[in-house]
Amino acid sequence: MSTTKLHINLHQGVLEVEGEETFVRDIYKEFKTELLKNASNSHLPGISKKTAGTKTPGTKSEATIPKKKKGNVKSDEPKVDKTLDLSGVNQAPSLKDFVSQYQPKTNMERNVVFIGYLKDKMETDKVSMDHVWTCYHDLELNFPVSMKQSLYDTSSKKSWINVPSLDDLSLSVQGNNWLRDKAKQAESS
């Protein structure tokens, strides 16, 4: 009696089946049917009704994931927002003056100061990753290697900011407290 193995990864979703060939084939067919049903809602890149179930040379029938096409992927790279005036408008201090009172030393501290400035002084309704990137650009600071990761780290490691989306950043209670404490330290110096 021989056993047959089937291992499908689909980006670590993993489905492992071992047993008689007919049992494995039945499980695979059921899996493939469900995959086709859910293909339009799939979070897996490249899985669609068109690509699921296509044949690969040397195999009977497998779901395939085609290579991503260059240029079609939405970029998460931040951009400078040229409409954002950080020179001090509507009685708001300039970004440079505002930042100088806090003297942030890390990118996480800068992220908090920038978001605080944009929300509280510039009264920006929705602060985006592009807005924060523009602050780095305006002050001619070295950019974080990954702006997106820098914001997520500021949120998860320090709990200073809220990141429900990269287009809606805000300060958390801890971030507001950090800014207030830094301002008090600056006043007493």
N, C-alpha and C. Protein backbone atom coordinates (compact mmCIF):
# COMPACT_ATOMS: atom_id res chain seq x y z
N MET A 1 0.85 -1.18 0.00
CA MET A 1 0.00 0.00 0.00
C MET A 1 0.89 1.24 0.00
N SER A 2 0.75 2.07 -1.04
CA SER A 2 1.59 3.26 -1.13
C SER A 2 0.81 4.48 -0.64
N THR A 3 1.56 5.42 -0.13
CA THR A 3 0.93 6.66 0.33
C THR A 3 1.35 7.79 -0.60
N THR A 4 0.48 8.75 -0.71
CA THR A 4 0.72 9.92 -1.56
C THR A 4 0.70 11.14 -0.66
N LYS A 5 1.60 12.07 -0.94
CA LYS A 5 1.69 13.31 -0.16
C LYS A 5 1.35 14.49 -1.05
N LEU A 6 0.72 15.48 -0.46
CA LEU A 6 0.43 16.73 -1.13
C LEU A 6 0.76 17.85 -0.15
N HIS A 7 1.54 18.81 -0.59
CA HIS A 7 1.90 19.97 0.24
C HIS A 7 1.70 21.21 -0.61
N ILE A 8 0.80 22.10 -0.20
CA ILE A 8 0.56 23.37 -0.90
C ILE A 8 0.86 24.47 0.10
N ASN A 9 1.66 25.45 -0.28
CA ASN A 9 2.07 26.50 0.65
C ASN A 9 1.17 27.72 0.57
N LEU A 10 0.94 28.28 -0.59
CA LEU A 10 0.18 29.52 -0.78
C LEU A 10 0.52 30.56 0.29
N HIS A 11 1.78 30.90 0.29
CA HIS A 11 2.33 31.90 1.22
C HIS A 11 2.06 31.53 2.67
N GLN A 12 2.45 30.33 3.03
CA GLN A 12 2.38 29.81 4.40
C GLN A 12 0.98 29.54 4.91
N GLY A 13 -0.01 29.50 4.02
CA GLY A 13 -1.34 29.04 4.41
C GLY A 13 -1.27 27.54 4.66
N VAL A 14 -0.43 26.84 3.93
CA VAL A 14 -0.08 25.43 4.03
C VAL A 14 -1.28 24.49 4.15
N LEU A 15 -1.32 23.53 3.28
CA LEU A 15 -2.28 22.43 3.33
C LEU A 15 -1.47 21.18 3.08
N GLU A 16 -1.31 20.33 4.06
CA GLU A 16 -0.57 19.08 3.91
C GLU A 16 -1.53 17.92 4.04
N VAL A 17 -1.46 17.01 3.07
CA VAL A 17 -2.33 15.83 3.07
C VAL A 17 -1.46 14.62 2.76
N GLU A 18 -1.70 13.54 3.47
CA GLU A 18 -0.97 12.29 3.21
C GLU A 18 -1.95 11.14 3.37
N GLY A 19 -1.88 10.20 2.46
CA GLY A 19 -2.76 9.03 2.53
C GLY A 19 -2.83 8.34 1.19
N GLU A 20 -3.87 7.55 1.00
CA GLU A 20 -4.05 6.87 -0.27
C GLU A 20 -4.27 7.89 -1.37
N GLU A 21 -3.86 7.52 -2.58
CA GLU A 21 -3.92 8.45 -3.70
C GLU A 21 -5.33 8.99 -3.93
N THR A 22 -6.34 8.18 -3.86
CA THR A 22 -7.71 8.66 -4.08
C THR A 22 -8.13 9.66 -3.02
N PHE A 23 -7.74 9.42 -1.77
CA PHE A 23 -8.05 10.34 -0.67
C PHE A 23 -7.38 11.70 -0.92
N VAL A 24 -6.10 11.66 -1.29
CA VAL A 24 -5.35 12.89 -1.54
C VAL A 24 -5.96 13.65 -2.72
N ARG A 25 -6.31 12.92 -3.79
CA ARG A 25 -6.93 13.57 -4.96
C ARG A 25 -8.26 14.22 -4.58
N ASP A 26 -9.07 13.55 -3.77
CA ASP A 26 -10.36 14.12 -3.35
C ASP A 26 -10.16 15.41 -2.56
N ILE A 27 -9.21 15.38 -1.65
CA ILE A 27 -8.93 16.58 -0.84
C ILE A 27 -8.44 17.70 -1.76
N TYR A 28 -7.55 17.37 -2.68
CA TYR A 28 -7.03 18.38 -3.61
C TYR A 28 -8.15 18.98 -4.46
N LYS A 29 -9.04 18.16 -4.98
CA LYS A 29 -10.15 18.66 -5.81
C LYS A 29 -11.05 19.58 -5.00
N GLU A 30 -11.33 19.18 -3.75
CA GLU A 30 -12.16 20.01 -2.88
C GLU A 30 -11.47 21.35 -2.60
N PHE A 31 -10.18 21.30 -2.33
CA PHE A 31 -9.39 22.49 -2.06
C PHE A 31 -9.40 23.42 -3.28
N LYS A 32 -9.16 22.82 -4.46
CA LYS A 32 -9.12 23.58 -5.70
C LYS A 32 -10.48 24.25 -5.97
N THR A 33 -11.57 23.53 -5.72
CA THR A 33 -12.91 24.08 -5.91
C THR A 33 -13.12 25.29 -5.01
N GLU A 34 -12.74 25.16 -3.74
CA GLU A 34 -12.87 26.27 -2.80
C GLU A 34 -11.98 27.44 -3.20
N LEU A 35 -10.79 27.14 -3.68
CA LEU A 35 -9.87 28.18 -4.11
C LEU A 35 -10.47 28.96 -5.28
N LEU A 36 -11.07 28.24 -6.23
CA LEU A 36 -11.71 28.91 -7.38
C LEU A 36 -12.90 29.75 -6.94
N LYS A 37 -13.69 29.25 -5.98
CA LYS A 37 -14.85 30.00 -5.48
C LYS A 37 -14.40 31.31 -4.85
N ASN A 38 -13.32 31.25 -4.10
CA ASN A 38 -12.85 32.41 -3.34
C ASN A 38 -11.79 33.21 -4.08
N ALA A 39 -11.51 32.86 -5.32
CA ALA A 39 -10.42 33.51 -6.05
C ALA A 39 -10.62 35.02 -6.17
N SER A 40 -11.85 35.46 -6.39
CA SER A 40 -12.07 36.89 -6.55
C SER A 40 -11.88 37.65 -5.24
N ASN A 41 -12.02 36.97 -4.11
CA ASN A 41 -11.82 37.61 -2.81
C ASN A 41 -10.45 37.31 -2.23
N SER A 42 -9.62 36.63 -3.01
CA SER A 42 -8.34 36.15 -2.50
C SER A 42 -7.40 37.29 -2.17
N HIS A 43 -6.67 37.15 -1.08
CA HIS A 43 -5.64 38.10 -0.71
C HIS A 43 -4.29 37.65 -1.23
N LEU A 44 -4.28 36.55 -1.93
CA LEU A 44 -3.04 36.03 -2.46
C LEU A 44 -2.76 36.65 -3.82
N PRO A 45 -1.56 37.19 -4.02
CA PRO A 45 -1.26 37.83 -5.29
C PRO A 45 -1.26 36.81 -6.42
N GLY A 46 -1.91 37.16 -7.52
CA GLY A 46 -1.84 36.33 -8.70
C GLY A 46 -2.83 35.20 -8.76
N ILE A 47 -3.57 34.90 -7.69
CA ILE A 47 -4.54 33.81 -7.73
C ILE A 47 -5.83 34.36 -8.30
N SER A 48 -6.29 33.80 -9.36
CA SER A 48 -7.56 34.20 -9.95
C SER A 48 -8.17 32.98 -10.60
N LYS A 49 -9.41 33.12 -11.03
CA LYS A 49 -10.06 32.00 -11.70
C LYS A 49 -9.29 31.61 -12.95
N LYS A 50 -8.64 32.58 -13.55
CA LYS A 50 -7.89 32.33 -14.77
C LYS A 50 -6.62 31.51 -14.49
N THR A 51 -5.93 31.79 -13.37
CA THR A 51 -4.66 31.11 -13.10
C THR A 51 -4.80 29.88 -12.24
N ALA A 52 -5.83 29.80 -11.39
CA ALA A 52 -5.99 28.63 -10.53
C ALA A 52 -6.35 27.43 -11.40
N GLY A 53 -5.68 26.33 -11.18
CA GLY A 53 -5.98 25.11 -11.91
C GLY A 53 -5.25 24.99 -13.23
N THR A 54 -4.36 25.92 -13.56
CA THR A 54 -3.62 25.79 -14.80
C THR A 54 -2.56 24.71 -14.65
N LYS A 55 -2.16 24.14 -15.77
CA LYS A 55 -1.20 23.05 -15.73
C LYS A 55 0.21 23.60 -15.80
N THR A 56 1.08 22.98 -15.04
CA THR A 56 2.49 23.30 -15.06
C THR A 56 3.18 22.09 -15.66
N PRO A 57 4.20 22.29 -16.49
CA PRO A 57 4.87 21.15 -17.10
C PRO A 57 5.32 20.13 -16.05
N GLY A 58 5.02 18.86 -16.31
CA GLY A 58 5.45 17.79 -15.41
C GLY A 58 4.48 17.51 -14.27
N THR A 59 3.37 18.24 -14.16
CA THR A 59 2.42 17.99 -13.09
C THR A 59 1.05 17.77 -13.69
N LYS A 60 0.18 17.20 -12.91
CA LYS A 60 -1.18 16.95 -13.39
C LYS A 60 -1.98 18.24 -13.42
N SER A 61 -2.15 18.90 -12.29
CA SER A 61 -2.90 20.14 -12.23
C SER A 61 -2.57 20.80 -10.90
N GLU A 62 -2.10 22.02 -10.97
CA GLU A 62 -1.74 22.74 -9.74
C GLU A 62 -2.16 24.19 -9.87
N ALA A 63 -2.45 24.80 -8.74
CA ALA A 63 -2.69 26.24 -8.74
C ALA A 63 -1.34 26.90 -8.91
N THR A 64 -1.24 27.86 -9.80
CA THR A 64 0.03 28.52 -10.01
C THR A 64 -0.10 29.98 -9.66
N ILE A 65 1.02 30.55 -9.25
CA ILE A 65 1.05 31.96 -8.92
C ILE A 65 2.03 32.61 -9.89
N PRO A 66 1.52 33.43 -10.82
CA PRO A 66 2.43 34.03 -11.79
C PRO A 66 3.30 35.09 -11.14
N LYS A 67 4.41 35.40 -11.82
CA LYS A 67 5.30 36.44 -11.32
C LYS A 67 4.59 37.78 -11.42
N LYS A 68 4.90 38.67 -10.47
CA LYS A 68 4.30 40.00 -10.49
C LYS A 68 4.88 40.78 -11.66
N LYS A 69 4.02 41.55 -12.31
CA LYS A 69 4.47 42.38 -13.41
C LYS A 69 5.02 43.67 -12.84
N LYS A 70 6.15 44.07 -13.37
CA LYS A 70 6.75 45.32 -12.92
C LYS A 70 5.92 46.48 -13.43
N GLY A 71 5.78 47.50 -12.62
CA GLY A 71 5.06 48.69 -13.03
C GLY A 71 3.57 48.65 -12.70
N ASN A 72 3.02 47.49 -12.42
CA ASN A 72 1.60 47.39 -12.10
C ASN A 72 1.33 47.39 -10.61
N VAL A 73 2.38 47.31 -9.81
CA VAL A 73 2.22 47.23 -8.37
C VAL A 73 2.11 48.65 -7.82
N LYS A 74 1.09 48.90 -6.99
CA LYS A 74 0.92 50.22 -6.38
C LYS A 74 2.10 50.47 -5.45
N SER A 75 2.70 51.59 -5.62
CA SER A 75 3.90 51.92 -4.86
C SER A 75 3.52 52.45 -3.48
N ASP A 76 4.22 51.95 -2.48
CA ASP A 76 4.05 52.46 -1.12
C ASP A 76 5.13 53.48 -0.80
N GLU A 77 5.84 53.90 -1.83
CA GLU A 77 6.91 54.87 -1.63
C GLU A 77 6.29 56.25 -1.39
N PRO A 78 6.74 56.92 -0.34
CA PRO A 78 6.19 58.26 -0.06
C PRO A 78 6.70 59.28 -1.08
N LYS A 79 5.95 60.36 -1.18
CA LYS A 79 6.29 61.44 -2.10
C LYS A 79 6.24 62.77 -1.34
N VAL A 80 6.98 63.74 -1.83
CA VAL A 80 6.93 65.09 -1.27
C VAL A 80 5.62 65.73 -1.69
N ASP A 81 4.88 66.26 -0.73
CA ASP A 81 3.63 66.97 -1.01
C ASP A 81 3.97 68.44 -1.23
N LYS A 82 3.98 68.84 -2.49
CA LYS A 82 4.40 70.20 -2.84
C LYS A 82 3.38 71.26 -2.44
N THR A 83 2.18 70.83 -2.06
CA THR A 83 1.15 71.80 -1.65
C THR A 83 1.26 72.13 -0.16
N LEU A 84 2.07 71.40 0.56
CA LEU A 84 2.19 71.59 2.00
C LEU A 84 3.20 72.70 2.30
N ASP A 85 2.73 73.79 2.89
CA ASP A 85 3.57 74.93 3.21
C ASP A 85 3.97 74.85 4.69
N LEU A 86 5.22 74.56 4.94
CA LEU A 86 5.71 74.38 6.31
C LEU A 86 6.50 75.60 6.81
N SER A 87 6.35 76.71 6.12
CA SER A 87 7.11 77.91 6.46
C SER A 87 6.47 78.74 7.57
N GLY A 88 5.29 78.37 8.02
CA GLY A 88 4.60 79.11 9.06
C GLY A 88 3.49 79.96 8.48
N VAL A 89 2.30 79.42 8.44
CA VAL A 89 1.15 80.13 7.88
C VAL A 89 0.02 80.12 8.90
N ASN A 90 -0.90 81.08 8.76
CA ASN A 90 -2.08 81.16 9.64
C ASN A 90 -1.70 81.12 11.11
N GLN A 91 -0.73 81.92 11.48
CA GLN A 91 -0.28 82.06 12.86
C GLN A 91 0.39 80.80 13.41
N ALA A 92 0.67 79.84 12.58
CA ALA A 92 1.41 78.64 13.01
C ALA A 92 2.89 78.93 12.88
N PRO A 93 3.70 78.41 13.80
CA PRO A 93 5.15 78.58 13.65
C PRO A 93 5.63 77.76 12.45
N SER A 94 6.81 78.06 11.98
CA SER A 94 7.37 77.23 10.90
C SER A 94 7.73 75.87 11.49
N LEU A 95 7.81 74.88 10.63
CA LEU A 95 8.19 73.54 11.08
C LEU A 95 9.55 73.59 11.76
N LYS A 96 10.48 74.33 11.16
CA LYS A 96 11.84 74.42 11.71
C LYS A 96 11.82 74.97 13.14
N ASP A 97 11.04 76.03 13.38
CA ASP A 97 10.95 76.61 14.73
C ASP A 97 10.29 75.64 15.71
N PHE A 98 9.24 74.98 15.25
CA PHE A 98 8.52 74.03 16.11
C PHE A 98 9.42 72.88 16.52
N VAL A 99 10.13 72.31 15.56
CA VAL A 99 10.99 71.16 15.83
C VAL A 99 12.15 71.53 16.75
N SER A 100 12.64 72.74 16.63
CA SER A 100 13.81 73.15 17.43
C SER A 100 13.54 73.12 18.93
N GLN A 101 12.29 73.30 19.33
CA GLN A 101 11.99 73.27 20.77
C GLN A 101 11.99 71.85 21.33
N TYR A 102 11.85 70.85 20.47
CA TYR A 102 11.80 69.45 20.92
C TYR A 102 13.13 68.73 20.73
N GLN A 103 13.92 69.15 19.78
CA GLN A 103 15.20 68.54 19.45
C GLN A 103 15.13 67.01 19.39
N PRO A 104 14.28 66.47 18.51
CA PRO A 104 14.17 65.01 18.38
C PRO A 104 15.48 64.41 17.87
N LYS A 105 15.83 63.26 18.43
CA LYS A 105 17.10 62.63 18.09
C LYS A 105 16.93 61.38 17.22
N THR A 106 15.76 60.77 17.25
CA THR A 106 15.52 59.55 16.48
C THR A 106 14.39 59.79 15.49
N ASN A 107 14.27 58.91 14.51
CA ASN A 107 13.16 59.04 13.56
C ASN A 107 11.82 58.86 14.24
N MET A 108 11.75 58.02 15.27
CA MET A 108 10.48 57.85 15.98
C MET A 108 10.09 59.16 16.66
N GLU A 109 11.05 59.83 17.27
CA GLU A 109 10.76 61.12 17.91
C GLU A 109 10.38 62.15 16.85
N ARG A 110 11.07 62.15 15.71
CA ARG A 110 10.74 63.09 14.63
C ARG A 110 9.32 62.84 14.13
N ASN A 111 8.95 61.57 13.97
CA ASN A 111 7.60 61.25 13.50
C ASN A 111 6.54 61.85 14.42
N VAL A 112 6.76 61.74 15.72
CA VAL A 112 5.81 62.29 16.70
C VAL A 112 5.75 63.81 16.58
N VAL A 113 6.90 64.44 16.52
CA VAL A 113 6.95 65.89 16.44
C VAL A 113 6.28 66.37 15.14
N PHE A 114 6.58 65.71 14.03
CA PHE A 114 5.99 66.11 12.74
C PHE A 114 4.48 65.95 12.74
N ILE A 115 4.00 64.82 13.24
CA ILE A 115 2.55 64.59 13.26
C ILE A 115 1.88 65.58 14.21
N GLY A 116 2.51 65.84 15.36
CA GLY A 116 1.98 66.83 16.30
C GLY A 116 1.89 68.21 15.66
N TYR A 117 2.93 68.58 14.93
CA TYR A 117 2.95 69.88 14.25
C TYR A 117 1.84 69.96 13.20
N LEU A 118 1.76 68.92 12.38
CA LEU A 118 0.77 68.92 11.29
C LEU A 118 -0.66 68.93 11.81
N LYS A 119 -0.90 68.17 12.89
CA LYS A 119 -2.26 68.09 13.45
C LYS A 119 -2.61 69.35 14.25
N ASP A 120 -1.74 69.71 15.19
CA ASP A 120 -2.07 70.78 16.13
C ASP A 120 -1.78 72.19 15.62
N LYS A 121 -0.66 72.37 14.97
CA LYS A 121 -0.28 73.73 14.52
C LYS A 121 -0.80 74.05 13.12
N MET A 122 -0.70 73.07 12.22
CA MET A 122 -1.18 73.29 10.85
C MET A 122 -2.66 72.94 10.70
N GLU A 123 -3.22 72.28 11.71
CA GLU A 123 -4.63 71.86 11.71
C GLU A 123 -4.99 71.04 10.48
N THR A 124 -4.11 70.11 10.14
CA THR A 124 -4.33 69.20 9.01
C THR A 124 -5.30 68.12 9.45
N ASP A 125 -6.39 67.95 8.71
CA ASP A 125 -7.41 66.96 9.09
C ASP A 125 -6.85 65.54 9.06
N LYS A 126 -6.28 65.15 7.95
CA LYS A 126 -5.74 63.80 7.82
C LYS A 126 -4.27 63.89 7.45
N VAL A 127 -3.42 63.54 8.39
CA VAL A 127 -1.98 63.54 8.16
C VAL A 127 -1.62 62.22 7.49
N SER A 128 -0.89 62.31 6.39
CA SER A 128 -0.51 61.11 5.65
C SER A 128 0.99 60.86 5.75
N MET A 129 1.39 59.69 5.28
CA MET A 129 2.81 59.35 5.22
C MET A 129 3.54 60.37 4.34
N ASP A 130 2.90 60.83 3.27
CA ASP A 130 3.52 61.84 2.40
C ASP A 130 3.77 63.14 3.15
N HIS A 131 2.87 63.52 4.05
CA HIS A 131 3.06 64.74 4.84
C HIS A 131 4.30 64.60 5.73
N VAL A 132 4.43 63.47 6.38
CA VAL A 132 5.58 63.25 7.27
C VAL A 132 6.87 63.24 6.44
N TRP A 133 6.84 62.59 5.29
CA TRP A 133 7.99 62.54 4.39
C TRP A 133 8.39 63.97 3.98
N THR A 134 7.39 64.80 3.73
CA THR A 134 7.63 66.18 3.33
C THR A 134 8.33 66.95 4.44
N CYS A 135 8.01 66.64 5.69
CA CYS A 135 8.68 67.28 6.82
C CYS A 135 10.18 66.93 6.84
N TYR A 136 10.50 65.66 6.63
CA TYR A 136 11.92 65.26 6.54
C TYR A 136 12.60 66.03 5.41
N HIS A 137 11.91 66.10 4.28
CA HIS A 137 12.46 66.79 3.11
C HIS A 137 12.68 68.27 3.40
N ASP A 138 11.70 68.91 3.99
CA ASP A 138 11.76 70.35 4.27
C ASP A 138 12.93 70.69 5.18
N LEU A 139 13.20 69.85 6.16
CA LEU A 139 14.29 70.11 7.11
C LEU A 139 15.62 69.53 6.64
N GLU A 140 15.61 68.94 5.45
CA GLU A 140 16.81 68.34 4.86
C GLU A 140 17.44 67.29 5.78
N LEU A 141 16.58 66.48 6.39
CA LEU A 141 17.04 65.38 7.25
C LEU A 141 17.18 64.11 6.42
N ASN A 142 17.99 63.19 6.89
CA ASN A 142 18.07 61.89 6.24
C ASN A 142 16.73 61.19 6.40
N PHE A 143 16.24 60.64 5.30
CA PHE A 143 14.96 59.95 5.33
C PHE A 143 15.12 58.57 5.99
N PRO A 144 14.08 58.08 6.65
CA PRO A 144 14.11 56.69 7.11
C PRO A 144 14.24 55.77 5.90
N VAL A 145 14.91 54.64 6.06
CA VAL A 145 15.07 53.69 4.97
C VAL A 145 13.70 53.27 4.45
N SER A 146 12.77 53.02 5.36
CA SER A 146 11.39 52.73 4.99
C SER A 146 10.48 53.60 5.84
N MET A 147 9.88 54.59 5.21
CA MET A 147 9.00 55.51 5.93
C MET A 147 7.84 54.76 6.55
N LYS A 148 7.29 53.85 5.78
CA LYS A 148 6.15 53.05 6.24
C LYS A 148 6.52 52.29 7.52
N GLN A 149 7.67 51.60 7.50
CA GLN A 149 8.11 50.83 8.67
C GLN A 149 8.42 51.75 9.84
N SER A 150 8.98 52.91 9.57
CA SER A 150 9.30 53.86 10.62
C SER A 150 8.03 54.29 11.37
N LEU A 151 6.95 54.52 10.60
CA LEU A 151 5.67 54.89 11.23
C LEU A 151 5.09 53.73 12.03
N TYR A 152 5.14 52.53 11.45
CA TYR A 152 4.63 51.36 12.17
C TYR A 152 5.43 51.11 13.45
N ASP A 153 6.76 51.31 13.38
CA ASP A 153 7.60 51.12 14.58
C ASP A 153 7.27 52.16 15.64
N THR A 154 7.04 53.39 15.22
CA THR A 154 6.68 54.45 16.17
C THR A 154 5.38 54.10 16.88
N SER A 155 4.49 53.46 16.15
CA SER A 155 3.21 53.04 16.73
C SER A 155 3.37 51.81 17.63
N SER A 156 4.04 50.78 17.14
CA SER A 156 4.08 49.52 17.88
C SER A 156 5.12 49.50 19.01
N LYS A 157 6.26 50.13 18.79
CA LYS A 157 7.32 50.06 19.80
C LYS A 157 7.18 51.13 20.88
N LYS A 158 6.69 52.29 20.51
CA LYS A 158 6.58 53.39 21.47
C LYS A 158 5.13 53.75 21.80
N SER A 159 4.20 53.32 20.98
CA SER A 159 2.77 53.65 21.14
C SER A 159 2.53 55.16 21.12
N TRP A 160 3.34 55.89 20.36
CA TRP A 160 3.21 57.33 20.30
C TRP A 160 2.24 57.81 19.23
N ILE A 161 2.02 56.99 18.22
CA ILE A 161 1.11 57.41 17.15
C ILE A 161 0.10 56.31 16.85
N ASN A 162 -1.01 56.72 16.25
CA ASN A 162 -2.03 55.78 15.77
C ASN A 162 -1.91 55.73 14.25
N VAL A 163 -1.92 54.50 13.71
CA VAL A 163 -1.78 54.32 12.27
C VAL A 163 -2.93 53.43 11.77
N PRO A 164 -4.17 53.95 11.76
CA PRO A 164 -5.24 53.13 11.19
C PRO A 164 -5.04 52.94 9.69
N SER A 165 -4.41 53.92 9.04
CA SER A 165 -3.98 53.80 7.64
C SER A 165 -2.85 54.80 7.44
N LEU A 166 -2.10 54.63 6.37
CA LEU A 166 -0.98 55.54 6.11
C LEU A 166 -1.46 56.90 5.61
N ASP A 167 -2.76 57.05 5.45
CA ASP A 167 -3.34 58.33 5.06
C ASP A 167 -4.10 58.99 6.21
N ASP A 168 -3.99 58.43 7.40
CA ASP A 168 -4.71 58.97 8.55
C ASP A 168 -3.92 58.72 9.83
N LEU A 169 -2.84 59.45 9.99
CA LEU A 169 -1.95 59.31 11.15
C LEU A 169 -2.36 60.32 12.22
N SER A 170 -2.23 59.91 13.48
CA SER A 170 -2.53 60.84 14.57
C SER A 170 -1.69 60.47 15.78
N LEU A 171 -1.62 61.39 16.72
CA LEU A 171 -0.90 61.13 17.96
C LEU A 171 -1.78 60.35 18.91
N SER A 172 -1.18 59.42 19.64
CA SER A 172 -1.89 58.71 20.70
C SER A 172 -1.78 59.55 21.97
N VAL A 173 -2.41 59.10 23.02
CA VAL A 173 -2.30 59.79 24.31
C VAL A 173 -0.83 59.81 24.74
N GLN A 174 -0.13 58.68 24.55
CA GLN A 174 1.29 58.60 24.93
C GLN A 174 2.12 59.59 24.10
N GLY A 175 1.79 59.74 22.82
CA GLY A 175 2.51 60.69 21.97
C GLY A 175 2.28 62.12 22.40
N ASN A 176 1.04 62.46 22.73
CA ASN A 176 0.74 63.81 23.25
C ASN A 176 1.46 64.05 24.56
N ASN A 177 1.49 63.05 25.43
CA ASN A 177 2.20 63.19 26.71
C ASN A 177 3.70 63.39 26.48
N TRP A 178 4.28 62.65 25.55
CA TRP A 178 5.71 62.77 25.25
C TRP A 178 6.01 64.19 24.77
N LEU A 179 5.18 64.72 23.87
CA LEU A 179 5.39 66.09 23.37
C LEU A 179 5.29 67.11 24.50
N ARG A 180 4.28 66.95 25.33
CA ARG A 180 4.10 67.88 26.45
C ARG A 180 5.30 67.82 27.40
N ASP A 181 5.76 66.61 27.72
CA ASP A 181 6.92 66.47 28.62
C ASP A 181 8.17 67.08 28.01
N LYS A 182 8.37 66.89 26.70
CA LYS A 182 9.53 67.47 26.03
C LYS A 182 9.45 69.00 26.04
N ALA A 183 8.24 69.54 25.84
CA ALA A 183 8.06 70.99 25.85
C ALA A 183 8.38 71.56 27.24
N LYS A 184 7.94 70.85 28.30
CA LYS A 184 8.23 71.30 29.66
C LYS A 184 9.74 71.27 29.93
N GLN A 185 10.42 70.23 29.46
CA GLN A 185 11.86 70.12 29.63
C GLN A 185 12.57 71.27 28.93
N ALA A 186 12.09 71.63 27.75
CA ALA A 186 12.69 72.72 26.98
C ALA A 186 12.50 74.06 27.69
N GLU A 187 11.32 74.25 28.30
CA GLU A 187 11.04 75.50 29.02
C GLU A 187 11.93 75.64 30.26
N SER A 188 12.17 74.55 30.95
CA SER A 188 12.94 74.59 32.19
C SER A 188 14.45 74.67 31.93
N SER A 189 14.86 74.45 30.70
CA SER A 189 16.32 74.50 30.39
C SER A 189 16.80 75.91 30.20
